[in-house]
């Protein structure tokens, strides 16, 4: 599986669910990370009091901050128009991710949105060390959206078929791209849901008494 092409930039970000326990979630994909800045982020709350805005980039200022963190070469010039476009793209990516994780048919309308952004100029690669500055000093926010959309094209393409999954925990709906070599990732995070599952399994073994065994996948 050609996941290397998807991981052209670092992935993952801090999540802050309503229980106050800040934790690191690596979705495995730049496009998925972006989806988790919007309404898609409500799945990070598991206490029945989901707050869709808790993780969200809610305005142009937040969009600039998120983009510059991921793309240092982008000028923080996003305004209301760029924010509306970003919201349209991330909503489409979030819906497609949920559909893909459940094996549903992908929405043609959301595919069209991703393709539209992917067809726009993205951030071109730059080889460091040259003596001249070619082109613009800073990329524009829309170029970053183009790069994110192109990552989404790879994410929902045939090379990663079956690797977009929901966390195996009963009380977690986080979606991630399994980039592990073995393709056996089960949890949104081993430090979060994976550890909780191990604790529950340990307690169950203790309750059954000596000699009881259980297997927990990583």
N, C-alpha and C. Protein backbone atom coordinates (compact mmCIF):
# COMPACT_ATOMS: atom_id res chain seq x y z
N UNK A 1 0.84 -1.19 0.00
CA UNK A 1 0.00 0.00 0.00
C UNK A 1 0.88 1.25 0.00
N UNK A 2 0.55 2.20 -0.85
CA UNK A 2 1.39 3.37 -1.02
C UNK A 2 1.03 4.46 -0.03
N UNK A 3 1.27 4.19 1.25
CA UNK A 3 0.97 5.21 2.25
C UNK A 3 2.06 6.27 2.30
N UNK A 4 3.25 5.95 1.76
CA UNK A 4 4.34 6.90 1.84
C UNK A 4 3.98 8.22 1.18
N UNK A 5 3.22 8.16 0.08
CA UNK A 5 2.84 9.37 -0.63
C UNK A 5 1.93 10.24 0.21
N UNK A 6 1.13 9.61 1.07
CA UNK A 6 0.20 10.35 1.90
C UNK A 6 0.93 11.06 3.04
N UNK A 7 1.98 10.44 3.54
CA UNK A 7 2.66 10.99 4.70
C UNK A 7 3.77 11.94 4.29
N UNK A 8 3.46 12.89 3.40
CA UNK A 8 4.45 13.84 2.96
C UNK A 8 4.70 14.90 4.02
N UNK A 9 3.79 15.10 4.92
CA UNK A 9 3.95 16.02 6.03
C UNK A 9 3.57 15.31 7.32
N UNK A 10 4.05 15.83 8.44
CA UNK A 10 3.73 15.20 9.70
C UNK A 10 2.24 15.22 9.97
N UNK A 11 1.77 14.18 10.59
CA UNK A 11 0.35 14.08 10.91
C UNK A 11 0.17 14.00 12.42
N UNK A 12 -1.08 14.25 12.86
CA UNK A 12 -1.41 14.17 14.28
C UNK A 12 -1.58 15.54 14.90
N UNK A 13 -2.40 15.60 15.98
CA UNK A 13 -2.63 16.85 16.68
C UNK A 13 -3.21 16.56 18.07
N UNK A 14 -3.13 17.54 18.95
CA UNK A 14 -3.66 17.38 20.29
C UNK A 14 -5.17 17.48 20.26
N UNK A 15 -5.83 16.58 20.99
CA UNK A 15 -7.28 16.59 21.12
C UNK A 15 -7.64 16.92 22.56
N UNK A 16 -8.71 17.68 22.72
CA UNK A 16 -9.12 18.13 24.05
C UNK A 16 -10.60 17.86 24.25
N UNK A 17 -10.98 16.62 24.53
CA UNK A 17 -12.39 16.30 24.75
C UNK A 17 -12.93 16.96 26.01
N UNK A 18 -14.23 16.89 26.17
CA UNK A 18 -14.87 17.62 27.27
C UNK A 18 -14.52 17.07 28.64
N UNK A 19 -13.88 15.90 28.71
CA UNK A 19 -13.45 15.40 30.02
C UNK A 19 -12.16 16.05 30.49
N UNK A 20 -11.57 16.90 29.61
CA UNK A 20 -10.39 17.65 30.00
C UNK A 20 -9.08 16.90 29.85
N UNK A 21 -9.12 15.67 29.37
CA UNK A 21 -7.90 14.87 29.23
C UNK A 21 -7.30 15.08 27.84
N UNK A 22 -6.37 16.01 27.75
CA UNK A 22 -5.71 16.33 26.48
C UNK A 22 -4.85 15.15 26.05
N UNK A 23 -4.96 14.77 24.78
CA UNK A 23 -4.20 13.61 24.30
C UNK A 23 -3.87 13.78 22.83
N UNK A 24 -2.84 13.05 22.39
CA UNK A 24 -2.34 13.16 21.02
C UNK A 24 -3.01 12.11 20.14
N UNK A 25 -3.60 12.56 19.05
CA UNK A 25 -4.27 11.67 18.11
C UNK A 25 -3.61 11.80 16.74
N UNK A 26 -3.02 10.72 16.28
CA UNK A 26 -2.43 10.68 14.94
C UNK A 26 -3.42 9.99 14.01
N UNK A 27 -4.09 10.77 13.19
CA UNK A 27 -5.08 10.21 12.28
C UNK A 27 -4.43 9.46 11.13
N UNK A 28 -3.13 9.69 10.92
CA UNK A 28 -2.43 9.03 9.82
C UNK A 28 -2.52 9.77 8.50
N UNK A 29 -3.23 10.90 8.47
CA UNK A 29 -3.46 11.61 7.21
C UNK A 29 -3.62 13.09 7.46
N UNK A 30 -2.98 13.89 6.62
CA UNK A 30 -3.15 15.33 6.69
C UNK A 30 -4.60 15.72 6.46
N UNK A 31 -5.26 15.07 5.49
CA UNK A 31 -6.66 15.39 5.19
C UNK A 31 -7.57 15.06 6.37
N UNK A 32 -7.32 13.94 7.04
CA UNK A 32 -8.13 13.60 8.22
C UNK A 32 -7.87 14.57 9.36
N UNK A 33 -6.61 14.93 9.57
CA UNK A 33 -6.32 15.94 10.59
C UNK A 33 -7.14 17.20 10.33
N UNK A 34 -7.21 17.61 9.08
CA UNK A 34 -7.96 18.81 8.73
C UNK A 34 -9.45 18.63 9.01
N UNK A 35 -9.98 17.44 8.70
CA UNK A 35 -11.40 17.18 8.98
C UNK A 35 -11.70 17.30 10.46
N UNK A 36 -10.73 16.97 11.31
CA UNK A 36 -10.95 17.04 12.75
C UNK A 36 -10.84 18.45 13.32
N UNK A 37 -10.71 19.45 12.46
CA UNK A 37 -10.81 20.84 12.92
C UNK A 37 -12.23 21.35 12.81
N UNK A 38 -13.16 20.51 12.36
CA UNK A 38 -14.54 20.92 12.17
C UNK A 38 -15.52 20.04 12.90
N UNK A 39 -16.72 19.93 12.36
CA UNK A 39 -17.79 19.19 13.01
C UNK A 39 -17.43 17.72 13.22
N UNK A 40 -16.58 17.19 12.36
CA UNK A 40 -16.15 15.80 12.47
C UNK A 40 -15.51 15.52 13.82
N UNK A 41 -15.01 16.57 14.49
CA UNK A 41 -14.29 16.40 15.75
C UNK A 41 -15.18 15.97 16.89
N UNK A 42 -16.51 16.01 16.76
CA UNK A 42 -17.37 15.67 17.88
C UNK A 42 -17.15 14.24 18.33
N UNK A 43 -16.62 13.38 17.44
CA UNK A 43 -16.38 11.99 17.81
C UNK A 43 -15.29 11.83 18.85
N UNK A 44 -14.52 12.87 19.09
CA UNK A 44 -13.48 12.79 20.12
C UNK A 44 -14.06 12.83 21.52
N UNK A 45 -15.33 13.25 21.65
CA UNK A 45 -15.97 13.27 22.95
C UNK A 45 -16.68 11.95 23.19
N UNK A 46 -16.42 11.32 24.31
CA UNK A 46 -17.01 10.01 24.57
C UNK A 46 -17.82 9.97 25.86
N UNK A 47 -18.15 11.15 26.39
CA UNK A 47 -18.87 11.16 27.65
C UNK A 47 -20.33 11.55 27.49
N UNK A 48 -20.82 11.54 26.24
CA UNK A 48 -22.23 11.85 26.00
C UNK A 48 -22.53 13.32 25.94
N UNK A 49 -21.51 14.16 26.06
CA UNK A 49 -21.71 15.61 26.03
C UNK A 49 -20.82 16.21 24.96
N UNK A 50 -20.99 15.72 23.73
CA UNK A 50 -20.12 16.12 22.63
C UNK A 50 -20.27 17.61 22.33
N UNK A 51 -19.15 18.25 22.09
CA UNK A 51 -19.14 19.66 21.73
C UNK A 51 -18.47 19.78 20.37
N UNK A 52 -19.24 19.97 19.28
CA UNK A 52 -18.66 20.01 17.95
C UNK A 52 -17.62 21.10 17.78
N UNK A 53 -17.65 22.14 18.60
CA UNK A 53 -16.73 23.25 18.43
C UNK A 53 -15.48 23.14 19.29
N UNK A 54 -15.41 22.11 20.10
CA UNK A 54 -14.32 22.04 21.07
C UNK A 54 -12.96 22.00 20.38
N UNK A 55 -12.86 21.30 19.27
CA UNK A 55 -11.58 21.17 18.57
C UNK A 55 -11.55 22.02 17.31
N UNK A 56 -12.65 22.70 17.03
CA UNK A 56 -12.83 23.27 15.71
C UNK A 56 -12.01 24.53 15.47
N UNK A 57 -11.63 24.68 14.20
CA UNK A 57 -11.17 25.97 13.69
C UNK A 57 -12.44 26.71 13.30
N UNK A 58 -12.76 27.77 14.04
CA UNK A 58 -14.07 28.39 13.93
C UNK A 58 -14.11 29.66 13.09
N UNK A 59 -12.94 30.17 12.69
CA UNK A 59 -12.94 31.41 11.92
C UNK A 59 -11.63 31.52 11.14
N UNK A 60 -11.50 32.61 10.41
CA UNK A 60 -10.32 32.80 9.56
C UNK A 60 -9.04 32.86 10.39
N UNK A 61 -9.12 33.48 11.57
CA UNK A 61 -7.94 33.56 12.43
C UNK A 61 -7.46 32.16 12.83
N UNK A 62 -8.40 31.31 13.23
CA UNK A 62 -8.03 29.94 13.59
C UNK A 62 -7.50 29.17 12.39
N UNK A 63 -8.08 29.41 11.23
CA UNK A 63 -7.61 28.74 10.02
C UNK A 63 -6.17 29.12 9.72
N UNK A 64 -5.87 30.42 9.81
CA UNK A 64 -4.49 30.86 9.57
C UNK A 64 -3.52 30.18 10.51
N UNK A 65 -3.89 30.10 11.79
CA UNK A 65 -3.00 29.49 12.79
C UNK A 65 -2.77 28.01 12.46
N UNK A 66 -3.84 27.29 12.11
CA UNK A 66 -3.69 25.87 11.82
C UNK A 66 -2.86 25.64 10.56
N UNK A 67 -3.13 26.43 9.53
CA UNK A 67 -2.40 26.25 8.27
C UNK A 67 -0.92 26.57 8.43
N UNK A 68 -0.62 27.66 9.12
CA UNK A 68 0.78 28.04 9.29
C UNK A 68 1.54 27.00 10.12
N UNK A 69 0.86 26.40 11.09
CA UNK A 69 1.50 25.34 11.88
C UNK A 69 1.86 24.16 11.00
N UNK A 70 0.99 23.82 10.06
CA UNK A 70 1.24 22.69 9.16
C UNK A 70 2.07 23.08 7.94
N UNK A 71 1.92 24.31 7.49
CA UNK A 71 2.59 24.78 6.29
C UNK A 71 3.29 26.09 6.59
N UNK A 72 4.50 26.05 7.12
CA UNK A 72 5.19 27.29 7.49
C UNK A 72 5.38 28.25 6.31
N UNK A 73 5.32 27.72 5.10
CA UNK A 73 5.51 28.57 3.93
C UNK A 73 4.26 29.34 3.52
N UNK A 74 3.14 29.11 4.22
CA UNK A 74 1.88 29.78 3.89
C UNK A 74 1.76 31.11 4.63
N UNK A 75 1.39 32.16 3.89
CA UNK A 75 1.15 33.46 4.51
C UNK A 75 -0.20 33.43 5.23
N UNK A 76 -0.28 33.94 6.45
CA UNK A 76 -1.54 33.92 7.22
C UNK A 76 -2.51 35.00 6.74
N UNK A 77 -2.99 34.86 5.52
CA UNK A 77 -3.82 35.89 4.91
C UNK A 77 -5.25 35.42 4.66
N UNK A 78 -5.65 34.29 5.25
CA UNK A 78 -7.01 33.79 5.04
C UNK A 78 -8.02 34.76 5.63
N UNK A 79 -9.09 34.98 4.86
CA UNK A 79 -10.20 35.80 5.33
C UNK A 79 -11.47 34.98 5.36
N UNK A 80 -12.61 35.64 5.39
CA UNK A 80 -13.88 34.93 5.48
C UNK A 80 -14.11 34.01 4.28
N UNK A 81 -13.73 34.45 3.10
CA UNK A 81 -13.94 33.62 1.91
C UNK A 81 -13.12 32.34 1.99
N UNK A 82 -11.86 32.46 2.39
CA UNK A 82 -11.01 31.28 2.53
C UNK A 82 -11.54 30.35 3.61
N UNK A 83 -12.05 30.94 4.69
CA UNK A 83 -12.59 30.10 5.75
C UNK A 83 -13.83 29.33 5.27
N UNK A 84 -14.70 29.98 4.51
CA UNK A 84 -15.87 29.28 3.98
C UNK A 84 -15.45 28.14 3.07
N UNK A 85 -14.45 28.38 2.25
CA UNK A 85 -13.97 27.31 1.36
C UNK A 85 -13.36 26.17 2.18
N UNK A 86 -12.59 26.52 3.19
CA UNK A 86 -11.98 25.50 4.04
C UNK A 86 -13.04 24.66 4.74
N UNK A 87 -14.09 25.30 5.21
CA UNK A 87 -15.17 24.58 5.88
C UNK A 87 -15.87 23.63 4.92
N UNK A 88 -16.07 24.06 3.69
CA UNK A 88 -16.69 23.19 2.68
C UNK A 88 -15.83 21.96 2.43
N UNK A 89 -14.53 22.16 2.30
CA UNK A 89 -13.62 21.04 2.03
C UNK A 89 -13.55 20.08 3.21
N UNK A 90 -13.38 20.60 4.41
CA UNK A 90 -13.21 19.70 5.55
C UNK A 90 -14.50 18.93 5.85
N UNK A 91 -15.67 19.53 5.59
CA UNK A 91 -16.93 18.82 5.79
C UNK A 91 -17.03 17.66 4.81
N UNK A 92 -16.65 17.88 3.57
CA UNK A 92 -16.69 16.82 2.57
C UNK A 92 -15.73 15.69 2.94
N UNK A 93 -14.53 16.04 3.39
CA UNK A 93 -13.55 15.01 3.78
C UNK A 93 -14.08 14.21 4.96
N UNK A 94 -14.68 14.89 5.94
CA UNK A 94 -15.21 14.18 7.10
C UNK A 94 -16.30 13.20 6.74
N UNK A 95 -17.21 13.61 5.87
CA UNK A 95 -18.28 12.69 5.45
C UNK A 95 -17.72 11.50 4.69
N UNK A 96 -16.78 11.76 3.79
CA UNK A 96 -16.19 10.66 3.02
C UNK A 96 -15.44 9.69 3.94
N UNK A 97 -14.76 10.22 4.94
CA UNK A 97 -14.02 9.36 5.87
C UNK A 97 -14.96 8.44 6.64
N UNK A 98 -16.08 8.99 7.10
CA UNK A 98 -17.04 8.17 7.82
C UNK A 98 -17.61 7.09 6.92
N UNK A 99 -17.93 7.45 5.68
CA UNK A 99 -18.47 6.48 4.73
C UNK A 99 -17.44 5.39 4.42
N UNK A 100 -16.20 5.80 4.20
CA UNK A 100 -15.16 4.82 3.88
C UNK A 100 -14.90 3.88 5.05
N UNK A 101 -14.93 4.39 6.28
CA UNK A 101 -14.65 3.56 7.45
C UNK A 101 -15.72 2.49 7.64
N UNK A 102 -16.91 2.74 7.14
CA UNK A 102 -18.02 1.80 7.30
C UNK A 102 -18.30 1.00 6.03
N UNK A 103 -17.49 1.20 5.03
CA UNK A 103 -17.65 0.44 3.79
C UNK A 103 -18.82 0.91 2.95
N UNK A 104 -19.31 2.12 3.20
CA UNK A 104 -20.43 2.65 2.43
C UNK A 104 -19.93 3.25 1.12
N UNK A 105 -20.86 3.43 0.20
CA UNK A 105 -20.52 4.09 -1.06
C UNK A 105 -20.20 5.56 -0.78
N UNK A 106 -19.15 6.05 -1.40
CA UNK A 106 -18.75 7.43 -1.18
C UNK A 106 -19.69 8.38 -1.91
N UNK A 107 -20.02 9.48 -1.25
CA UNK A 107 -20.94 10.46 -1.80
C UNK A 107 -20.35 11.14 -3.03
N UNK A 108 -21.02 11.07 -4.18
CA UNK A 108 -20.51 11.75 -5.38
C UNK A 108 -20.36 13.25 -5.20
N UNK A 109 -21.28 13.87 -4.45
CA UNK A 109 -21.19 15.32 -4.24
C UNK A 109 -19.93 15.68 -3.45
N UNK A 110 -19.61 14.89 -2.42
CA UNK A 110 -18.41 15.17 -1.64
C UNK A 110 -17.15 14.86 -2.44
N UNK A 111 -17.20 13.84 -3.27
CA UNK A 111 -16.07 13.56 -4.15
C UNK A 111 -15.83 14.75 -5.08
N UNK A 112 -16.90 15.32 -5.61
CA UNK A 112 -16.77 16.48 -6.49
C UNK A 112 -16.11 17.65 -5.78
N UNK A 113 -16.46 17.85 -4.50
CA UNK A 113 -15.85 18.94 -3.74
C UNK A 113 -14.34 18.72 -3.61
N UNK A 114 -13.95 17.51 -3.23
CA UNK A 114 -12.53 17.19 -3.09
C UNK A 114 -11.81 17.36 -4.42
N UNK A 115 -12.41 16.87 -5.48
CA UNK A 115 -11.78 16.98 -6.80
C UNK A 115 -11.64 18.43 -7.24
N UNK A 116 -12.64 19.25 -6.91
CA UNK A 116 -12.58 20.66 -7.28
C UNK A 116 -11.39 21.34 -6.62
N UNK A 117 -11.22 21.11 -5.33
CA UNK A 117 -10.09 21.73 -4.64
C UNK A 117 -8.76 21.12 -5.08
N UNK A 118 -8.77 19.83 -5.36
CA UNK A 118 -7.53 19.17 -5.78
C UNK A 118 -7.06 19.66 -7.15
N UNK A 119 -7.98 20.21 -7.94
CA UNK A 119 -7.63 20.71 -9.27
C UNK A 119 -7.04 22.11 -9.22
N UNK A 120 -7.08 22.75 -8.04
CA UNK A 120 -6.52 24.09 -7.91
C UNK A 120 -5.03 24.00 -7.58
N UNK A 121 -4.27 25.07 -7.79
CA UNK A 121 -2.83 25.03 -7.49
C UNK A 121 -2.57 24.69 -6.03
N UNK A 122 -1.61 23.81 -5.81
CA UNK A 122 -1.24 23.47 -4.44
C UNK A 122 0.11 24.11 -4.12
N UNK A 123 0.70 23.72 -3.01
CA UNK A 123 2.00 24.26 -2.62
C UNK A 123 3.08 23.47 -3.35
N UNK A 124 3.83 24.09 -4.23
CA UNK A 124 4.84 23.35 -4.99
C UNK A 124 6.03 22.98 -4.12
N UNK A 125 6.68 21.88 -4.42
CA UNK A 125 7.89 21.52 -3.68
C UNK A 125 9.02 22.48 -4.01
N UNK A 126 9.88 22.71 -3.05
CA UNK A 126 11.01 23.62 -3.21
C UNK A 126 12.29 22.93 -2.77
N UNK A 127 13.30 22.98 -3.60
CA UNK A 127 14.60 22.43 -3.26
C UNK A 127 15.44 23.53 -2.62
N UNK A 128 15.82 23.32 -1.39
CA UNK A 128 16.58 24.33 -0.66
C UNK A 128 18.01 24.42 -1.19
N UNK A 129 18.62 25.59 -1.00
CA UNK A 129 20.03 25.76 -1.34
C UNK A 129 20.30 26.56 -2.58
N UNK A 130 19.24 26.98 -3.28
CA UNK A 130 19.45 27.77 -4.48
C UNK A 130 19.85 29.20 -4.17
N UNK A 131 20.38 29.88 -5.19
CA UNK A 131 20.83 31.25 -5.00
C UNK A 131 19.78 32.28 -5.32
N UNK A 132 18.64 31.85 -5.87
CA UNK A 132 17.60 32.80 -6.25
C UNK A 132 16.27 32.38 -5.65
N UNK A 133 15.42 33.35 -5.40
CA UNK A 133 14.07 33.07 -4.90
C UNK A 133 13.12 33.05 -6.09
N UNK A 134 12.61 31.86 -6.41
CA UNK A 134 11.72 31.71 -7.55
C UNK A 134 10.27 31.82 -7.10
N UNK A 135 9.49 32.64 -7.81
CA UNK A 135 8.06 32.72 -7.53
C UNK A 135 7.77 33.50 -6.26
N UNK A 136 6.62 33.18 -5.64
CA UNK A 136 6.17 33.90 -4.46
C UNK A 136 7.00 33.52 -3.23
N UNK A 137 7.20 34.49 -2.36
CA UNK A 137 7.91 34.22 -1.12
C UNK A 137 7.08 33.32 -0.22
N UNK A 138 5.78 33.57 -0.18
CA UNK A 138 4.88 32.77 0.65
C UNK A 138 3.74 32.22 -0.20
N UNK A 139 3.32 31.01 0.14
CA UNK A 139 2.17 30.42 -0.54
C UNK A 139 0.89 31.02 0.04
N UNK A 140 -0.20 30.89 -0.70
CA UNK A 140 -1.49 31.40 -0.27
C UNK A 140 -2.28 30.31 0.44
N UNK A 141 -3.21 30.68 1.33
CA UNK A 141 -4.02 29.67 2.02
C UNK A 141 -4.74 28.71 1.07
N UNK A 142 -5.22 29.22 -0.07
CA UNK A 142 -5.90 28.33 -1.00
C UNK A 142 -4.97 27.26 -1.57
N UNK A 143 -3.69 27.56 -1.65
CA UNK A 143 -2.75 26.55 -2.10
C UNK A 143 -2.63 25.43 -1.07
N UNK A 144 -2.70 25.79 0.21
CA UNK A 144 -2.68 24.77 1.25
C UNK A 144 -3.92 23.90 1.16
N UNK A 145 -5.07 24.50 0.87
CA UNK A 145 -6.29 23.71 0.70
C UNK A 145 -6.15 22.77 -0.48
N UNK A 146 -5.48 23.22 -1.53
CA UNK A 146 -5.24 22.34 -2.67
C UNK A 146 -4.37 21.15 -2.28
N UNK A 147 -3.36 21.39 -1.47
CA UNK A 147 -2.50 20.30 -1.00
C UNK A 147 -3.28 19.31 -0.14
N UNK A 148 -4.12 19.83 0.75
CA UNK A 148 -4.95 18.97 1.60
C UNK A 148 -5.89 18.13 0.74
N UNK A 149 -6.50 18.76 -0.27
CA UNK A 149 -7.43 18.04 -1.14
C UNK A 149 -6.72 16.94 -1.91
N UNK A 150 -5.51 17.20 -2.36
CA UNK A 150 -4.78 16.16 -3.08
C UNK A 150 -4.42 15.00 -2.16
N UNK A 151 -4.16 15.31 -0.91
CA UNK A 151 -3.96 14.23 0.07
C UNK A 151 -5.26 13.42 0.22
N UNK A 152 -6.40 14.11 0.20
CA UNK A 152 -7.69 13.41 0.30
C UNK A 152 -7.93 12.52 -0.90
N UNK A 153 -7.50 12.94 -2.08
CA UNK A 153 -7.63 12.10 -3.28
C UNK A 153 -6.88 10.79 -3.07
N UNK A 154 -5.68 10.88 -2.53
CA UNK A 154 -4.92 9.65 -2.23
C UNK A 154 -5.58 8.86 -1.11
N UNK A 155 -6.08 9.57 -0.10
CA UNK A 155 -6.68 8.91 1.05
C UNK A 155 -7.87 8.04 0.66
N UNK A 156 -8.70 8.53 -0.23
CA UNK A 156 -9.91 7.80 -0.61
C UNK A 156 -9.74 7.01 -1.90
N UNK A 157 -8.52 6.91 -2.37
CA UNK A 157 -8.24 6.15 -3.58
C UNK A 157 -8.02 4.68 -3.30
N UNK A 158 -7.76 3.90 -4.35
CA UNK A 158 -7.66 2.44 -4.21
C UNK A 158 -6.44 1.97 -3.42
N UNK A 159 -5.39 2.79 -3.33
CA UNK A 159 -4.18 2.35 -2.64
C UNK A 159 -4.38 2.14 -1.14
N UNK A 160 -5.37 2.80 -0.56
CA UNK A 160 -5.59 2.66 0.89
C UNK A 160 -6.93 2.00 1.19
N UNK A 161 -7.46 1.29 0.24
CA UNK A 161 -8.76 0.64 0.41
C UNK A 161 -8.73 -0.29 1.63
N UNK A 162 -9.69 -0.11 2.53
CA UNK A 162 -9.80 -0.95 3.71
C UNK A 162 -8.96 -0.49 4.88
N UNK A 163 -8.17 0.56 4.71
CA UNK A 163 -7.31 1.03 5.80
C UNK A 163 -7.87 2.23 6.54
N UNK A 164 -9.01 2.75 6.12
CA UNK A 164 -9.67 3.82 6.84
C UNK A 164 -10.67 3.17 7.79
N UNK A 165 -10.44 3.32 9.08
CA UNK A 165 -11.20 2.54 10.07
C UNK A 165 -11.67 3.40 11.23
N UNK A 166 -12.70 2.89 11.89
CA UNK A 166 -13.13 3.48 13.16
C UNK A 166 -12.39 2.77 14.29
N UNK A 167 -12.15 3.50 15.35
CA UNK A 167 -11.56 2.91 16.55
C UNK A 167 -12.41 1.73 17.01
N UNK A 168 -11.78 0.67 17.48
CA UNK A 168 -12.49 -0.53 17.89
C UNK A 168 -13.19 -0.40 19.24
N UNK A 169 -12.92 0.66 19.97
CA UNK A 169 -13.59 0.85 21.26
C UNK A 169 -15.08 1.10 21.04
N UNK A 170 -15.90 0.50 21.89
CA UNK A 170 -17.35 0.64 21.75
C UNK A 170 -17.82 2.08 21.94
N UNK A 171 -17.08 2.85 22.72
CA UNK A 171 -17.50 4.21 23.03
C UNK A 171 -16.69 5.26 22.30
N UNK A 172 -16.08 4.90 21.19
CA UNK A 172 -15.26 5.84 20.41
C UNK A 172 -15.54 5.66 18.93
N UNK A 173 -15.74 6.77 18.23
CA UNK A 173 -16.02 6.72 16.80
C UNK A 173 -14.95 7.42 15.97
N UNK A 174 -13.79 7.65 16.55
CA UNK A 174 -12.73 8.31 15.81
C UNK A 174 -12.30 7.47 14.62
N UNK A 175 -12.07 8.14 13.51
CA UNK A 175 -11.66 7.48 12.27
C UNK A 175 -10.20 7.80 12.02
N UNK A 176 -9.45 6.81 11.57
CA UNK A 176 -8.03 7.01 11.30
C UNK A 176 -7.63 6.21 10.06
N UNK A 177 -6.48 6.54 9.53
CA UNK A 177 -5.87 5.75 8.45
C UNK A 177 -4.82 4.85 9.07
N UNK A 178 -4.98 3.56 8.89
CA UNK A 178 -4.01 2.60 9.43
C UNK A 178 -2.79 2.57 8.52
N UNK A 179 -1.71 3.19 8.95
CA UNK A 179 -0.48 3.21 8.17
C UNK A 179 0.54 2.18 8.66
N UNK A 180 0.14 1.33 9.60
CA UNK A 180 1.07 0.33 10.12
C UNK A 180 1.41 -0.67 9.03
N UNK A 181 2.61 -1.20 9.09
CA UNK A 181 3.06 -2.15 8.07
C UNK A 181 2.17 -3.39 8.05
N UNK A 182 1.75 -3.84 9.23
CA UNK A 182 0.95 -5.06 9.32
C UNK A 182 -0.53 -4.82 9.03
N UNK A 183 -0.94 -3.56 9.10
CA UNK A 183 -2.35 -3.25 8.85
C UNK A 183 -3.27 -3.74 9.96
N UNK A 184 -2.78 -3.76 11.19
CA UNK A 184 -3.57 -4.32 12.30
C UNK A 184 -3.90 -3.29 13.38
N UNK A 185 -3.77 -2.01 13.08
CA UNK A 185 -4.11 -0.99 14.08
C UNK A 185 -5.60 -1.09 14.42
N UNK A 186 -5.92 -1.05 15.72
CA UNK A 186 -7.30 -1.19 16.18
C UNK A 186 -7.82 0.04 16.90
N UNK A 187 -6.92 0.85 17.43
CA UNK A 187 -7.35 1.91 18.32
C UNK A 187 -6.99 3.27 17.76
N UNK A 188 -7.78 4.29 18.16
CA UNK A 188 -7.41 5.66 17.80
C UNK A 188 -6.05 5.99 18.38
N UNK A 189 -5.79 5.47 19.59
CA UNK A 189 -4.51 5.68 20.26
C UNK A 189 -4.32 4.56 21.28
N UNK A 190 -3.13 3.98 21.29
CA UNK A 190 -2.84 2.97 22.31
C UNK A 190 -2.80 3.60 23.69
N UNK A 191 -2.46 4.90 23.77
CA UNK A 191 -2.41 5.58 25.06
C UNK A 191 -3.81 5.92 25.57
N UNK A 192 -4.81 5.83 24.72
CA UNK A 192 -6.17 6.20 25.12
C UNK A 192 -7.04 4.95 25.10
N UNK A 193 -7.69 4.67 23.99
CA UNK A 193 -8.62 3.54 23.94
C UNK A 193 -7.92 2.19 24.05
N UNK A 194 -6.73 2.07 23.50
CA UNK A 194 -6.00 0.82 23.61
C UNK A 194 -5.67 0.50 25.05
N UNK A 195 -5.23 1.51 25.79
CA UNK A 195 -4.90 1.31 27.20
C UNK A 195 -6.15 1.00 28.02
N UNK A 196 -7.26 1.68 27.70
CA UNK A 196 -8.51 1.40 28.41
C UNK A 196 -8.93 -0.05 28.20
N UNK A 197 -8.77 -0.54 26.96
CA UNK A 197 -9.15 -1.93 26.67
C UNK A 197 -8.28 -2.90 27.46
N UNK A 198 -7.00 -2.59 27.59
CA UNK A 198 -6.10 -3.47 28.36
C UNK A 198 -6.48 -3.47 29.83
N UNK A 199 -6.85 -2.30 30.34
CA UNK A 199 -7.26 -2.22 31.75
C UNK A 199 -8.53 -3.05 31.98
N UNK A 200 -9.50 -2.92 31.06
CA UNK A 200 -10.74 -3.70 31.21
C UNK A 200 -10.46 -5.19 31.12
N UNK A 201 -9.56 -5.59 30.20
CA UNK A 201 -9.23 -7.00 30.07
C UNK A 201 -8.54 -7.52 31.33
N UNK A 202 -7.67 -6.71 31.90
CA UNK A 202 -6.98 -7.11 33.14
C UNK A 202 -7.98 -7.30 34.28
N UNK A 203 -8.93 -6.40 34.38
CA UNK A 203 -9.93 -6.51 35.44
C UNK A 203 -10.81 -7.74 35.23
N UNK A 204 -11.12 -8.02 33.95
CA UNK A 204 -11.94 -9.20 33.67
C UNK A 204 -11.21 -10.48 34.03
N UNK A 205 -9.90 -10.53 33.74
CA UNK A 205 -9.11 -11.71 34.11
C UNK A 205 -9.05 -11.88 35.62
N UNK A 206 -8.87 -10.74 36.29
CA UNK A 206 -8.80 -10.80 37.76
C UNK A 206 -10.12 -11.29 38.35
N UNK A 207 -11.22 -10.88 37.74
CA UNK A 207 -12.52 -11.30 38.24
C UNK A 207 -12.77 -12.78 38.01
N UNK A 208 -12.20 -13.31 36.90
CA UNK A 208 -12.39 -14.74 36.62
C UNK A 208 -11.51 -15.62 37.48
N UNK A 209 -10.45 -15.03 38.02
CA UNK A 209 -9.59 -15.80 38.90
C UNK A 209 -8.33 -16.26 38.21
N UNK A 210 -7.43 -16.95 38.95
CA UNK A 210 -6.15 -17.42 38.42
C UNK A 210 -6.35 -18.33 37.20
N UNK A 211 -5.41 -18.22 36.27
CA UNK A 211 -5.43 -19.08 35.11
C UNK A 211 -6.23 -18.55 33.94
N UNK A 212 -6.95 -17.44 34.13
CA UNK A 212 -7.72 -16.86 33.04
C UNK A 212 -6.82 -16.10 32.12
N UNK A 213 -7.09 -16.17 30.82
CA UNK A 213 -6.24 -15.49 29.83
C UNK A 213 -7.14 -14.76 28.85
N UNK A 214 -6.63 -13.64 28.35
CA UNK A 214 -7.32 -12.88 27.31
C UNK A 214 -6.28 -12.25 26.41
N UNK A 215 -6.61 -12.07 25.17
CA UNK A 215 -5.68 -11.49 24.20
C UNK A 215 -6.22 -10.16 23.74
N UNK A 216 -5.40 -9.17 23.83
CA UNK A 216 -5.77 -7.83 23.37
C UNK A 216 -4.86 -7.43 22.23
N UNK A 217 -5.42 -7.06 21.09
CA UNK A 217 -4.61 -6.64 19.96
C UNK A 217 -4.15 -5.22 20.12
N UNK A 218 -3.02 -4.93 19.56
CA UNK A 218 -2.47 -3.57 19.62
C UNK A 218 -3.09 -2.71 18.55
